[in-house]
PDB file of N, CA and C in Angstrom:
ATOM      1  N   MET A   1     111.049  45.787  47.819  1.00  0.00           N
ATOM      2  CA  MET A   1     112.385  45.441  47.939  1.00  0.00           C
ATOM      3  C   MET A   1     112.861  47.006  48.242  1.00  0.00           C
ATOM      4  N   SER A   2     113.813  46.792  49.367  1.00  0.00           N
ATOM      5  CA  SER A   2     114.522  47.991  49.903  1.00  0.00           C
ATOM      6  C   SER A   2     115.783  48.029  49.113  1.00  0.00           C
ATOM      7  N   ALA A   3     116.358  49.240  49.418  1.00  0.00           N
ATOM      8  CA  ALA A   3     117.708  49.608  49.000  1.00  0.00           C
ATOM      9  C   ALA A   3     118.637  48.496  49.120  1.00  0.00           C
ATOM     10  N   HIS A   4     118.847  48.159  50.310  1.00  0.00           N
ATOM     11  CA  HIS A   4     119.480  46.848  50.750  1.00  0.00           C
ATOM     12  C   HIS A   4     119.831  45.690  49.707  1.00  0.00           C
ATOM     13  N   ASP A   5     118.302  45.406  49.240  1.00  0.00           N
ATOM     14  CA  ASP A   5     118.261  44.174  48.071  1.00  0.00           C
ATOM     15  C   ASP A   5     118.774  44.638  46.830  1.00  0.00           C
ATOM     16  N   LEU A   6     118.824  45.779  46.470  1.00  0.00           N
ATOM     17  CA  LEU A   6     119.374  46.257  45.250  1.00  0.00           C
ATOM     18  C   LEU A   6     120.783  45.696  44.848  1.00  0.00           C
ATOM     19  N   PRO A   7     121.056  45.316  43.460  1.00  0.00           N
ATOM     20  CA  PRO A   7     122.148  44.871  43.376  1.00  0.00           C
ATOM     21  C   PRO A   7     123.306  46.415  43.030  1.00  0.00           C
ATOM     22  N   ARG A   8     124.419  46.165  43.533  1.00  0.00           N
ATOM     23  CA  ARG A   8     125.305  47.285  43.670  1.00  0.00           C
ATOM     24  C   ARG A   8     125.886  47.784  42.341  1.00  0.00           C
ATOM     25  N   LEU A   9     125.713  48.694  42.037  1.00  0.00           N
ATOM     26  CA  LEU A   9     126.009  49.628  40.657  1.00  0.00           C
ATOM     27  C   LEU A   9     127.584  49.621  40.584  1.00  0.00           C
ATOM     28  N   LEU A  10     128.228  50.020  41.694  1.00  0.00           N
ATOM     29  CA  LEU A  10     129.514  50.135  41.808  1.00  0.00           C
ATOM     30  C   LEU A  10     130.413  49.246  42.582  1.00  0.00           C
ATOM     31  N   GLU A  11     131.550  48.497  42.209  1.00  0.00           N
ATOM     32  CA  GLU A  11     131.999  47.455  43.225  1.00  0.00           C
ATOM     33  C   GLU A  11     132.919  48.316  43.970  1.00  0.00           C
ATOM     34  N   ASP A  12     132.918  48.173  45.395  1.00  0.00           N
ATOM     35  CA  ASP A  12     133.493  48.547  46.484  1.00  0.00           C
ATOM     36  C   ASP A  12     135.149  47.961  46.294  1.00  0.00           C
ATOM     37  N   ARG A  13     135.909  48.788  45.587  1.00  0.00           N
ATOM     38  CA  ARG A  13     137.557  48.445  45.324  1.00  0.00           C
ATOM     39  C   ARG A  13     138.337  48.893  46.315  1.00  0.00           C
ATOM     40  N   THR A  14     137.823  49.725  47.634  1.00  0.00           N
ATOM     41  CA  THR A  14     138.569  49.998  48.658  1.00  0.00           C
ATOM     42  C   THR A  14     139.355  48.853  49.442  1.00  0.00           C
ATOM     43  N   PRO A  15     140.625  48.968  49.101  1.00  0.00           N
ATOM     44  CA  PRO A  15     141.546  48.191  49.783  1.00  0.00           C
ATOM     45  C   PRO A  15     141.245  47.934  51.514  1.00  0.00           C
ATOM     46  N   GLN A  16     141.089  46.612  52.008  1.00  0.00           N
ATOM     47  CA  GLN A  16     140.875  46.398  53.184  1.00  0.00           C
ATOM     48  C   GLN A  16     141.924  46.951  54.038  1.00  0.00           C
ATOM     49  N   VAL A  17     141.680  47.791  55.145  1.00  0.00           N
ATOM     50  CA  VAL A  17     142.510  48.075  56.140  1.00  0.00           C
ATOM     51  C   VAL A  17     142.511  47.612  57.528  1.00  0.00           C
ATOM     52  N   THR A  18     143.613  47.382  58.180  1.00  0.00           N
ATOM     53  CA  THR A  18     143.539  46.788  59.651  1.00  0.00           C
ATOM     54  C   THR A  18     143.037  47.634  60.329  1.00  0.00           C
ATOM     55  N   GLN A  19     142.704  47.317  61.785  1.00  0.00           N
ATOM     56  CA  GLN A  19     142.150  48.217  62.735  1.00  0.00           C
ATOM     57  C   GLN A  19     143.163  49.028  63.015  1.00  0.00           C
ATOM     58  N   TYR A  20     144.537  48.754  63.007  1.00  0.00           N
ATOM     59  CA  TYR A  20     145.431  49.593  63.448  1.00  0.00           C
ATOM     60  C   TYR A  20     145.669  50.749  62.411  1.00  0.00           C
ATOM     61  N   GLU A  21     145.489  50.524  61.174  1.00  0.00           N
ATOM     62  CA  GLU A  21     145.191  51.704  59.987  1.00  0.00           C
ATOM     63  C   GLU A  21     144.015  52.537  60.341  1.00  0.00           C
ATOM     64  N   ARG A  22     143.139  51.873  60.544  1.00  0.00           N
ATOM     65  CA  ARG A  22     141.816  52.742  60.756  1.00  0.00           C
ATOM     66  C   ARG A  22     142.112  53.621  61.757  1.00  0.00           C
ATOM     67  N   VAL A  23     142.701  53.109  62.842  1.00  0.00           N
ATOM     68  CA  VAL A  23     142.821  54.112  64.132  1.00  0.00           C
ATOM     69  C   VAL A  23     144.101  55.177  63.816  1.00  0.00           C
ATOM     70  N   ALA A  24     144.972  54.607  62.958  1.00  0.00           N
ATOM     71  CA  ALA A  24     145.921  55.829  62.358  1.00  0.00           C
ATOM     72  C   ALA A  24     145.318  56.702  61.449  1.00  0.00           C
ATOM     73  N   ARG A  25     144.354  56.457  60.860  1.00  0.00           N
ATOM     74  CA  ARG A  25     143.684  57.131  59.933  1.00  0.00           C
ATOM     75  C   ARG A  25     142.759  58.192  60.823  1.00  0.00           C
ATOM     76  N   ARG A  26     142.334  57.718  61.793  1.00  0.00           N
ATOM     77  CA  ARG A  26     141.316  58.560  62.760  1.00  0.00           C
ATOM     78  C   ARG A  26     142.507  59.626  63.524  1.00  0.00           C
ATOM     79  N   LEU A  27     143.239  59.076  63.846  1.00  0.00           N
ATOM     80  CA  LEU A  27     144.211  59.920  64.724  1.00  0.00           C
ATOM     81  C   LEU A  27     144.819  61.100  64.022  1.00  0.00           C
ATOM     82  N   THR A  28     145.243  60.753  62.449  1.00  0.00           N
ATOM     83  CA  THR A  28     145.726  61.665  61.886  1.00  0.00           C
ATOM     84  C   THR A  28     144.602  62.948  61.388  1.00  0.00           C
ATOM     85  N   ALA A  29     143.391  62.190  61.196  1.00  0.00           N
ATOM     86  CA  ALA A  29     142.413  63.085  60.962  1.00  0.00           C
ATOM     87  C   ALA A  29     142.151  64.294  62.333  1.00  0.00           C
ATOM     88  N   ILE A  30     142.311  63.508  63.478  1.00  0.00           N
ATOM     89  CA  ILE A  30     141.661  64.313  64.376  1.00  0.00           C
ATOM     90  C   ILE A  30     143.070  65.613  64.716  1.00  0.00           C
ATOM     91  N   GLY A  31     144.102  65.015  64.411  1.00  0.00           N
ATOM     92  CA  GLY A  31     145.255  66.056  64.556  1.00  0.00           C
ATOM     93  C   GLY A  31     145.157  67.221  63.500  1.00  0.00           C
ATOM     94  N   ASN A  32     144.931  66.700  62.154  1.00  0.00           N
ATOM     95  CA  ASN A  32     144.494  67.839  61.214  1.00  0.00           C
ATOM     96  C   ASN A  32     143.520  68.856  61.655  1.00  0.00           C
ATOM     97  N   SER A  33     142.145  67.953  61.980  1.00  0.00           N
ATOM     98  CA  SER A  33     141.030  68.996  62.462  1.00  0.00           C
ATOM     99  C   SER A  33     141.610  69.822  63.604  1.00  0.00           C
ATOM    100  N   THR A  34     142.116  69.495  64.764  1.00  0.00           N
ATOM    101  CA  THR A  34     142.849  70.120  65.457  1.00  0.00           C
ATOM    102  C   THR A  34     143.589  71.409  65.248  1.00  0.00           C
ATOM    103  N   PHE A  35     144.392  71.104  64.433  1.00  0.00           N
ATOM    104  CA  PHE A  35     145.584  72.079  63.807  1.00  0.00           C
ATOM    105  C   PHE A  35     144.437  73.261  63.194  1.00  0.00           C
ATOM    106  N   GLU A  36     143.576  72.864  62.328  1.00  0.00           N
ATOM    107  CA  GLU A  36     142.717  73.780  61.376  1.00  0.00           C
ATOM    108  C   GLU A  36     141.956  74.475  62.280  1.00  0.00           C
ATOM    109  N   THR A  37     141.407  73.853  63.541  1.00  0.00           N
ATOM    110  CA  THR A  37     140.614  74.804  64.488  1.00  0.00           C
ATOM    111  C   THR A  37     141.381  75.678  65.112  1.00  0.00           C
ATOM    112  N   LEU A  38     142.698  75.219  65.726  1.00  0.00           N
ATOM    113  CA  LEU A  38     143.458  76.301  66.258  1.00  0.00           C
ATOM    114  C   LEU A  38     143.675  77.306  65.280  1.00  0.00           C
ATOM    115  N   TYR A  39     144.087  77.243  64.193  1.00  0.00           N
ATOM    116  CA  TYR A  39     144.677  78.233  62.800  1.00  0.00           C
ATOM    117  C   TYR A  39     143.508  79.111  62.901  1.00  0.00           C
ATOM    118  N   ASN A  40     142.336  78.575  62.673  1.00  0.00           N
ATOM    119  CA  ASN A  40     141.090  79.307  62.505  1.00  0.00           C
ATOM    120  C   ASN A  40     140.564  80.601  63.571  1.00  0.00           C
ATOM    121  N   LYS A  41     141.047  79.769  64.968  1.00  0.00           N
ATOM    122  CA  LYS A  41     140.779  80.732  66.280  1.00  0.00           C
ATOM    123  C   LYS A  41     141.838  81.784  66.330  1.00  0.00           C
ATOM    124  N   TYR A  42     142.933  81.410  65.934  1.00  0.00           N
ATOM    125  CA  TYR A  42     143.942  82.207  66.020  1.00  0.00           C
ATOM    126  C   TYR A  42     143.665  83.619  64.886  1.00  0.00           C
ATOM    127  N   TYR A  43     143.131  83.426  63.722  1.00  0.00           N
ATOM    128  CA  TYR A  43     143.186  84.539  62.938  1.00  0.00           C
ATOM    129  C   TYR A  43     141.317  85.050  63.542  1.00  0.00           C
ATOM    130  N   SER A  44     140.876  84.191  64.047  1.00  0.00           N
ATOM    131  CA  SER A  44     139.395  84.827  64.512  1.00  0.00           C
ATOM    132  C   SER A  44     139.542  85.743  65.508  1.00  0.00           C
ATOM    133  N   ALA A  45     140.552  85.534  66.565  1.00  0.00           N
ATOM    134  CA  ALA A  45     141.152  86.709  67.560  1.00  0.00           C
ATOM    135  C   ALA A  45     141.587  88.088  66.814  1.00  0.00           C
ATOM    136  N   ARG A  46     142.440  87.905  65.793  1.00  0.00           N
ATOM    137  CA  ARG A  46     143.020  89.015  65.163  1.00  0.00           C
ATOM    138  C   ARG A  46     142.076  89.816  64.644  1.00  0.00           C
ATOM    139  N   VAL A  47     141.388  89.008  63.827  1.00  0.00           N
ATOM    140  CA  VAL A  47     140.256  89.748  63.191  1.00  0.00           C
ATOM    141  C   VAL A  47     139.211  90.655  63.902  1.00  0.00           C
ATOM    142  N   GLU A  48     139.151  90.054  65.088  1.00  0.00           N
ATOM    143  CA  GLU A  48     137.863  90.573  66.161  1.00  0.00           C
ATOM    144  C   GLU A  48     138.426  91.973  66.649  1.00  0.00           C
ATOM    145  N   LEU A  49     139.495  92.173  66.764  1.00  0.00           N
ATOM    146  CA  LEU A  49     140.410  93.346  67.415  1.00  0.00           C
ATOM    147  C   LEU A  49     140.860  94.422  66.393  1.00  0.00           C
ATOM    148  N   TRP A  50     141.368  93.506  65.089  1.00  0.00           N
ATOM    149  CA  TRP A  50     142.247  94.449  64.244  1.00  0.00           C
ATOM    150  C   TRP A  50     141.536  94.896  62.977  1.00  0.00           C
ATOM    151  N   ASN A  51     140.484  93.980  62.690  1.00  0.00           N
ATOM    152  CA  ASN A  51     139.914  94.208  61.390  1.00  0.00           C
ATOM    153  C   ASN A  51     138.315  94.784  61.415  1.00  0.00           C
ATOM    154  N   ILE A  52     138.146  95.941  61.950  1.00  0.00           N
ATOM    155  CA  ILE A  52     136.827  96.555  62.162  1.00  0.00           C
ATOM    156  C   ILE A  52     136.679  97.913  61.586  1.00  0.00           C
ATOM    157  N   ASP A  53     135.913  98.074  60.575  1.00  0.00           N
ATOM    158  CA  ASP A  53     136.026  99.317  59.690  1.00  0.00           C
ATOM    159  C   ASP A  53     135.513 100.494  60.392  1.00  0.00           C
ATOM    160  N   GLY A  54     136.185 101.534  60.328  1.00  0.00           N
ATOM    161  CA  GLY A  54     135.845 102.482  61.129  1.00  0.00           C
ATOM    162  C   GLY A  54     136.688 102.767  62.503  1.00  0.00           C
ATOM    163  N   TRP A  55     137.058 101.915  62.830  1.00  0.00           N
ATOM    164  CA  TRP A  55     137.872 101.915  64.145  1.00  0.00           C
ATOM    165  C   TRP A  55     139.209 102.672  63.918  1.00  0.00           C
ATOM    166  N   GLU A  56     139.543 103.548  65.178  1.00  0.00           N
ATOM    167  CA  GLU A  56     141.030 103.745  65.390  1.00  0.00           C
ATOM    168  C   GLU A  56     141.690 102.977  66.581  1.00  0.00           C
ATOM    169  N   VAL A  57     142.856 103.055  66.781  1.00  0.00           N
ATOM    170  CA  VAL A  57     143.690 102.736  67.762  1.00  0.00           C
ATOM    171  C   VAL A  57     143.243 102.819  69.027  1.00  0.00           C
ATOM    172  N   SER A  58     142.280 103.865  69.302  1.00  0.00           N
ATOM    173  CA  SER A  58     141.491 104.265  70.798  1.00  0.00           C
ATOM    174  C   SER A  58     140.218 103.464  70.889  1.00  0.00           C
ATOM    175  N   ASP A  59     140.001 102.972  69.591  1.00  0.00           N
ATOM    176  CA  ASP A  59     138.735 102.058  69.848  1.00  0.00           C
ATOM    177  C   ASP A  59     139.326 100.425  70.087  1.00  0.00           C
ATOM    178  N   ALA A  60     140.310 100.056  69.790  1.00  0.00           N
ATOM    179  CA  ALA A  60     140.984  98.939  69.895  1.00  0.00           C
ATOM    180  C   ALA A  60     141.484  98.983  71.477  1.00  0.00           C
ATOM    181  N   GLN A  61     142.054 100.240  72.114  1.00  0.00           N
ATOM    182  CA  GLN A  61     142.355 100.444  73.516  1.00  0.00           C
ATOM    183  C   GLN A  61     141.209  99.961  74.374  1.00  0.00           C
ATOM    184  N   LEU A  62     140.193 100.921  73.817  1.00  0.00           N
ATOM    185  CA  LEU A  62     138.951 100.663  74.734  1.00  0.00           C
ATOM    186  C   LEU A  62     138.397  99.260  74.768  1.00  0.00           C
ATOM    187  N   THR A  63     138.465  98.362  73.762  1.00  0.00           N
ATOM    188  CA  THR A  63     138.100  96.929  73.890  1.00  0.00           C
ATOM    189  C   THR A  63     139.151  96.315  74.848  1.00  0.00           C
ATOM    190  N   ILE A  64     140.629  96.662  74.521  1.00  0.00           N
ATOM    191  CA  ILE A  64     141.500  95.816  75.534  1.00  0.00           C
ATOM    192  C   ILE A  64     141.311  96.444  76.843  1.00  0.00           C
ATOM    193  N   ASP A  65     140.761  97.815  77.500  1.00  0.00           N
ATOM    194  CA  ASP A  65     140.601  98.112  78.555  1.00  0.00           C
ATOM    195  C   ASP A  65     139.475  97.322  79.272  1.00  0.00           C
ATOM    196  N   ALA A  66     138.506  96.804  78.296  1.00  0.00           N
ATOM    197  CA  ALA A  66     137.240  96.298  78.446  1.00  0.00           C
ATOM    198  C   ALA A  66     137.679  94.919  79.104  1.00  0.00           C
ATOM    199  N   LEU A  67     138.550  94.287  78.475  1.00  0.00           N
ATOM    200  CA  LEU A  67     139.225  92.884  79.076  1.00  0.00           C
ATOM    201  C   LEU A  67     139.770  92.953  80.302  1.00  0.00           C
ATOM    202  N   GLY A  68     140.210  94.068  80.858  1.00  0.00           N
ATOM    203  CA  GLY A  68     140.616  94.362  82.121  1.00  0.00           C
ATOM    204  C   GLY A  68     141.900  93.319  82.404  1.00  0.00           C
ATOM    205  N   ASP A  69     141.706  92.697  83.483  1.00  0.00           N
ATOM    206  CA  ASP A  69     143.007  91.968  83.445  1.00  0.00           C
ATOM    207  C   ASP A  69     143.099  90.576  82.734  1.00  0.00           C
ATOM    208  N   GLN A  70     142.326  90.416  81.871  1.00  0.00           N
ATOM    209  CA  GLN A  70     142.491  89.434  81.069  1.00  0.00           C
ATOM    210  C   GLN A  70     143.001  89.649  79.694  1.00  0.00           C
ATOM    211  N   ALA A  71     143.549  90.940  79.404  1.00  0.00           N
ATOM    212  CA  ALA A  71     143.903  91.388  78.289  1.00  0.00           C
ATOM    213  C   ALA A  71     145.411  90.817  77.982  1.00  0.00           C
ATOM    214  N   ILE A  72     146.116  90.935  79.383  1.00  0.00           N
ATOM    215  CA  ILE A  72     147.593  90.259  78.975  1.00  0.00           C
ATOM    216  C   ILE A  72     147.492  88.890  78.547  1.00  0.00           C
ATOM    217  N   LEU A  73     146.761  87.952  79.347  1.00  0.00           N
ATOM    218  CA  LEU A  73     146.358  86.732  79.198  1.00  0.00           C
ATOM    219  C   LEU A  73     146.167  86.444  77.654  1.00  0.00           C
ATOM    220  N   SER A  74     144.927  87.192  77.404  1.00  0.00           N
ATOM    221  CA  SER A  74     144.580  87.237  75.911  1.00  0.00           C
ATOM    222  C   SER A  74     145.621  87.442  74.862  1.00  0.00           C
ATOM    223  N   PHE A  75     146.253  88.517  75.028  1.00  0.00           N
ATOM    224  CA  PHE A  75     147.600  88.747  74.177  1.00  0.00           C
ATOM    225  C   PHE A  75     148.577  87.434  74.188  1.00  0.00           C
ATOM    226  N   ALA A  76     148.918  87.190  75.317  1.00  0.00           N
ATOM    227  CA  ALA A  76     150.060  86.146  75.533  1.00  0.00           C
ATOM    228  C   ALA A  76     149.358  84.939  74.912  1.00  0.00           C
ATOM    229  N   LEU A  77     148.290  84.422  75.085  1.00  0.00           N
ATOM    230  CA  LEU A  77     147.439  83.151  74.689  1.00  0.00           C
ATOM    231  C   LEU A  77     147.718  83.080  73.042  1.00  0.00           C
ATOM    232  N   ASN A  78     147.157  84.211  72.502  1.00  0.00           N
ATOM    233  CA  ASN A  78     147.312  84.161  70.964  1.00  0.00           C
ATOM    234  C   ASN A  78     148.809  84.277  70.359  1.00  0.00           C
ATOM    235  N   THR A  79     149.573  85.211  71.017  1.00  0.00           N
ATOM    236  CA  THR A  79     151.093  85.063  70.681  1.00  0.00           C
ATOM    237  C   THR A  79     151.381  83.560  70.721  1.00  0.00           C
ATOM    238  N   LYS A  80     151.487  82.920  71.935  1.00  0.00           N
ATOM    239  CA  LYS A  80     151.975  81.409  72.079  1.00  0.00           C
ATOM    240  C   LYS A  80     151.096  80.389  71.031  1.00  0.00           C
ATOM    241  N   LEU A  81     149.964  80.583  70.817  1.00  0.00           N
ATOM    242  CA  LEU A  81     149.029  80.142  69.716  1.00  0.00           C
ATOM    243  C   LEU A  81     149.899  80.124  68.369  1.00  0.00           C
ATOM    244  N   GLY A  82     149.898  81.325  67.886  1.00  0.00           N
ATOM    245  CA  GLY A  82     150.856  81.527  66.605  1.00  0.00           C
ATOM    246  C   GLY A  82     151.957  80.991  66.510  1.00  0.00           C
ATOM    247  N   ASN A  83     152.846  80.920  67.720  1.00  0.00           N
ATOM    248  CA  ASN A  83     153.961  80.358  67.980  1.00  0.00           C
ATOM    249  C   ASN A  83     153.969  78.916  67.632  1.00  0.00           C
ATOM    250  N   LEU A  84     153.202  78.116  68.180  1.00  0.00           N
ATOM    251  CA  LEU A  84     152.873  76.656  68.399  1.00  0.00           C
ATOM    252  C   LEU A  84     152.483  76.378  66.948  1.00  0.00           C
ATOM    253  N   LEU A  85     151.576  77.083  66.274  1.00  0.00           N
ATOM    254  CA  LEU A  85     151.382  76.695  64.863  1.00  0.00           C
ATOM    255  C   LEU A  85     152.471  76.843  64.036  1.00  0.00           C
ATOM    256  N   ASN A  86     153.346  77.750  64.123  1.00  0.00           N
ATOM    257  CA  ASN A  86     154.422  77.890  63.227  1.00  0.00           C
ATOM    258  C   ASN A  86     155.480  76.727  63.635  1.00  0.00           C
ATOM    259  N   GLU A  87     155.534  76.292  64.855  1.00  0.00           N
ATOM    260  CA  GLU A  87     156.653  75.391  65.337  1.00  0.00           C
ATOM    261  C   GLU A  87     156.216  74.028  64.701  1.00  0.00           C
ATOM    262  N   LEU A  88     154.949  73.876  64.957  1.00  0.00           N
ATOM    263  CA  LEU A  88     154.332  72.476  64.342  1.00  0.00           C
ATOM    264  C   LEU A  88     154.142  72.457  62.609  1.00  0.00           C
ATOM    265  N   ARG A  89     154.036  73.655  61.929  1.00  0.00           N
ATOM    266  CA  ARG A  89     154.048  73.523  60.586  1.00  0.00           C
ATOM    267  C   ARG A  89     154.720  74.841  60.148  1.00  0.00           C
ATOM    268  N   PRO A  90     156.003  74.892  60.098  1.00  0.00           N
ATOM    269  CA  PRO A  90     156.701  76.176  59.685  1.00  0.00           C
ATOM    270  C   PRO A  90     155.859  76.943  58.711  1.00  0.00           C
ATOM    271  N   GLY A  91     155.915  78.468  58.946  1.00  0.00           N
ATOM    272  CA  GLY A  91     155.516  79.337  57.809  1.00  0.00           C
ATOM    273  C   GLY A  91     154.025  79.238  57.575  1.00  0.00           C
ATOM    274  N   THR A  92     153.192  78.597  58.499  1.00  0.00           N
ATOM    275  CA  THR A  92     151.874  78.629  58.394  1.00  0.00           C
ATOM    276  C   THR A  92     151.257  80.017  58.854  1.00  0.00           C
ATOM    277  N   ILE A  93     151.930  80.708  59.918  1.00  0.00           N
ATOM    278  CA  ILE A  93     151.414  82.046  59.925  1.00  0.00           C
ATOM    279  C   ILE A  93     152.412  82.962  59.739  1.00  0.00           C
ATOM    280  N   PRO A  94     152.272  83.794  58.809  1.00  0.00           N
ATOM    281  CA  PRO A  94     153.323  84.598  58.286  1.00  0.00           C
ATOM    282  C   PRO A  94     153.911  85.892  59.471  1.00  0.00           C
ATOM    283  N   VAL A  95     155.018  86.034  59.553  1.00  0.00           N
ATOM    284  CA  VAL A  95     155.724  86.897  60.336  1.00  0.00           C
ATOM    285  C   VAL A  95     155.047  88.011  60.824  1.00  0.00           C
ATOM    286  N   GLU A  96     154.510  88.618  59.737  1.00  0.00           N
ATOM    287  CA  GLU A  96     153.540  90.013  59.788  1.00  0.00           C
ATOM    288  C   GLU A  96     152.353  89.853  60.761  1.00  0.00           C
ATOM    289  N   ASP A  97     152.172  88.221  60.674  1.00  0.00           N
ATOM    290  CA  ASP A  97     150.563  88.452  61.488  1.00  0.00           C
ATOM    291  C   ASP A  97     151.236  87.701  63.032  1.00  0.00           C
ATOM    292  N   LEU A  98     152.398  87.354  63.148  1.00  0.00           N
ATOM    293  CA  LEU A  98     152.619  87.025  64.516  1.00  0.00           C
ATOM    294  C   LEU A  98     152.731  88.303  65.241  1.00  0.00           C
ATOM    295  N   ALA A  99     153.092  89.428  64.967  1.00  0.00           N
ATOM    296  CA  ALA A  99     152.964  90.620  65.581  1.00  0.00           C
ATOM    297  C   ALA A  99     151.961  91.011  65.691  1.00  0.00           C
ATOM    298  N   THR A 100     151.718  91.874  66.768  1.00  0.00           N
ATOM    299  CA  THR A 100     150.449  92.690  66.544  1.00  0.00           C
ATOM    300  C   THR A 100     150.695  93.849  65.742  1.00  0.00           C
ATOM    301  N   PRO A 101     149.917  94.377  64.988  1.00  0.00           N
ATOM    302  CA  PRO A 101     149.716  95.673  64.255  1.00  0.00           C
ATOM    303  C   PRO A 101     150.090  96.685  64.507  1.00  0.00           C
ATOM    304  N   VAL A 102     149.641  97.157  65.960  1.00  0.00           N
ATOM    305  CA  VAL A 102     150.082  98.292  66.580  1.00  0.00           C
ATOM    306  C   VAL A 102     151.094  97.894  68.014  1.00  0.00           C
ATOM    307  N   THR A 103     152.046  98.426  67.915  1.00  0.00           N
ATOM    308  CA  THR A 103     153.083  98.243  69.305  1.00  0.00           C
ATOM    309  C   THR A 103     152.347  98.580  70.501  1.00  0.00           C
ATOM    310  N   TYR A 104     152.678  97.827  71.568  1.00  0.00           N
ATOM    311  CA  TYR A 104     152.084  98.284  72.851  1.00  0.00           C
ATOM    312  C   TYR A 104     153.165  97.919  74.080  1.00  0.00           C
ATOM    313  N   ASP A 105     152.960  98.563  75.012  1.00  0.00           N
ATOM    314  CA  ASP A 105     153.409  98.192  76.285  1.00  0.00           C
ATOM    315  C   ASP A 105     152.806  97.621  77.198  1.00  0.00           C
ATOM    316  N   VAL A 106     153.262  96.823  78.545  1.00  0.00           N
ATOM    317  CA  VAL A 106     152.368  96.422  79.536  1.00  0.00           C
ATOM    318  C   VAL A 106     152.552  97.364  80.628  1.00  0.00           C
ATOM    319  N   LYS A 107     151.626  97.863  80.788  1.00  0.00           N
ATOM    320  CA  LYS A 107     151.533  98.817  82.043  1.00  0.00           C
ATOM    321  C   LYS A 107     150.760  98.742  83.146  1.00  0.00           C
ATOM    322  N   THR A 108     150.962  98.691  84.464  1.00  0.00           N
ATOM    323  CA  THR A 108     149.870  98.566  85.291  1.00  0.00           C
ATOM    324  C   THR A 108     148.926  97.290  85.046  1.00  0.00           C
ATOM    325  N   GLY A 109     149.464  96.195  84.633  1.00  0.00           N
ATOM    326  CA  GLY A 109     148.989  94.959  84.635  1.00  0.00           C
ATOM    327  C   GLY A 109     147.835  94.841  83.393  1.00  0.00           C
ATOM    328  N   SER A 110     148.139  95.616  82.453  1.00  0.00           N
ATOM    329  CA  SER A 110     147.210  95.747  81.241  1.00  0.00           C
ATOM    330  C   SER A 110     148.065  96.128  79.959  1.00  0.00           C
ATOM    331  N   ILE A 111     147.438  95.913  79.045  1.00  0.00           N
ATOM    332  CA  ILE A 111     148.263  96.362  77.524  1.00  0.00           C
ATOM    333  C   ILE A 111     147.839  97.988  77.178  1.00  0.00           C
ATOM    334  N   VAL A 112     148.718  98.359  76.998  1.00  0.00           N
ATOM    335  CA  VAL A 112     148.639  99.809  76.634  1.00  0.00           C
ATOM    336  C   VAL A 112     149.143 100.138  75.184  1.00  0.00           C
ATOM    337  N   LEU A 113     148.118 100.530  74.062  1.00  0.00           N
ATOM    338  CA  LEU A 113     148.797 100.421  72.673  1.00  0.00           C
ATOM    339  C   LEU A 113     149.360 101.647  72.528  1.00  0.00           C
ATOM    340  N   ASP A 114     150.418 101.748  71.492  1.00  0.00           N
ATOM    341  CA  ASP A 114     151.299 103.141  71.214  1.00  0.00           C
ATOM    342  C   ASP A 114     149.860 104.056  70.384  1.00  0.00           C
ATOM    343  N   VAL A 115     149.618 104.989  71.188  1.00  0.00           N
ATOM    344  CA  VAL A 115     148.656 106.234  70.598  1.00  0.00           C
ATOM    345  C   VAL A 115     149.044 106.643  69.010  1.00  0.00           C
ATOM    346  N   ASN A 116     150.232 106.605  68.920  1.00  0.00           N
ATOM    347  CA  ASN A 116     150.834 107.146  67.529  1.00  0.00           C
ATOM    348  C   ASN A 116     150.815 105.904  66.346  1.00  0.00           C
ATOM    349  N   GLY A 117     150.306 104.650  66.911  1.00  0.00           N
ATOM    350  CA  GLY A 117     150.158 103.606  65.854  1.00  0.00           C
ATOM    351  C   GLY A 117     148.934 103.690  64.931  1.00  0.00           C
ATOM    352  N   VAL A 118     148.776 102.993  63.950  1.00  0.00           N
ATOM    353  CA  VAL A 118     147.917 103.286  62.892  1.00  0.00           C
ATOM    354  C   VAL A 118     146.841 101.974  62.799  1.00  0.00           C
ATOM    355  N   TYR A 119     145.633 102.261  63.158  1.00  0.00           N
ATOM    356  CA  TYR A 119     144.776 100.903  63.109  1.00  0.00           C
ATOM    357  C   TYR A 119     144.655 100.316  61.936  1.00  0.00           C
ATOM    358  N   PRO A 120     144.745  99.076  61.461  1.00  0.00           N
ATOM    359  CA  PRO A 120     145.112  98.610  60.303  1.00  0.00           C
ATOM    360  C   PRO A 120     143.488  98.407  59.536  1.00  0.00           C
ATOM    361  N   GLY A 121     142.800  98.290  60.221  1.00  0.00           N
ATOM    362  CA  GLY A 121     141.167  98.326  59.626  1.00  0.00           C
ATOM    363  C   GLY A 121     141.235  96.571  58.631  1.00  0.00           C
ATOM    364  N   PRO A 122     140.048  96.813  57.974  1.00  0.00           N
ATOM    365  CA  PRO A 122     139.624  95.580  57.273  1.00  0.00           C
ATOM    366  C   PRO A 122     140.655  95.825  56.035  1.00  0.00           C
ATOM    367  N   VAL A 123     141.114  94.256  55.700  1.00  0.00           N
ATOM    368  CA  VAL A 123     141.896  94.059  54.555  1.00  0.00           C
ATOM    369  C   VAL A 123     141.212  93.908  53.275  1.00  0.00           C
ATOM    370  N   VAL A 124     141.545  94.512  52.284  1.00  0.00           N
ATOM    371  CA  VAL A 124     140.995  94.764  51.004  1.00  0.00           C
ATOM    372  C   VAL A 124     141.571  93.586  50.199  1.00  0.00           C
ATOM    373  N   SER A 125     140.777  92.704  49.767  1.00  0.00           N
ATOM    374  CA  SER A 125     141.542  91.856  49.062  1.00  0.00           C
ATOM    375  C   SER A 125     141.242  92.110  47.305  1.00  0.00           C
TER     376      SER A 125
END
């Protein structure tokens, strides 16, 4: 006897749904999954640069310098991503997390951090 031949222990009382409802549920799941992925990527980028124990502003600047001409694009992308997430679901990203923790200027095609800024380091919870 196979598992297929066994009598059901529980009766499936899930209401039947139409193909349209099934597709709608999948679209909803895809949308939610996409939103969650973008949210996680937004915070991954922040943590990668701003949450390293023992670092100072100068370490973050050296990392930004290593990005070269990609630094401006990287900062712009993360800024736009945070704004998009808040546009889609207001309040998702707190205002203090939308801004970089150290002010900066764009000079000679790159990001230059304020040398008097304070590197935030790991968040202690």
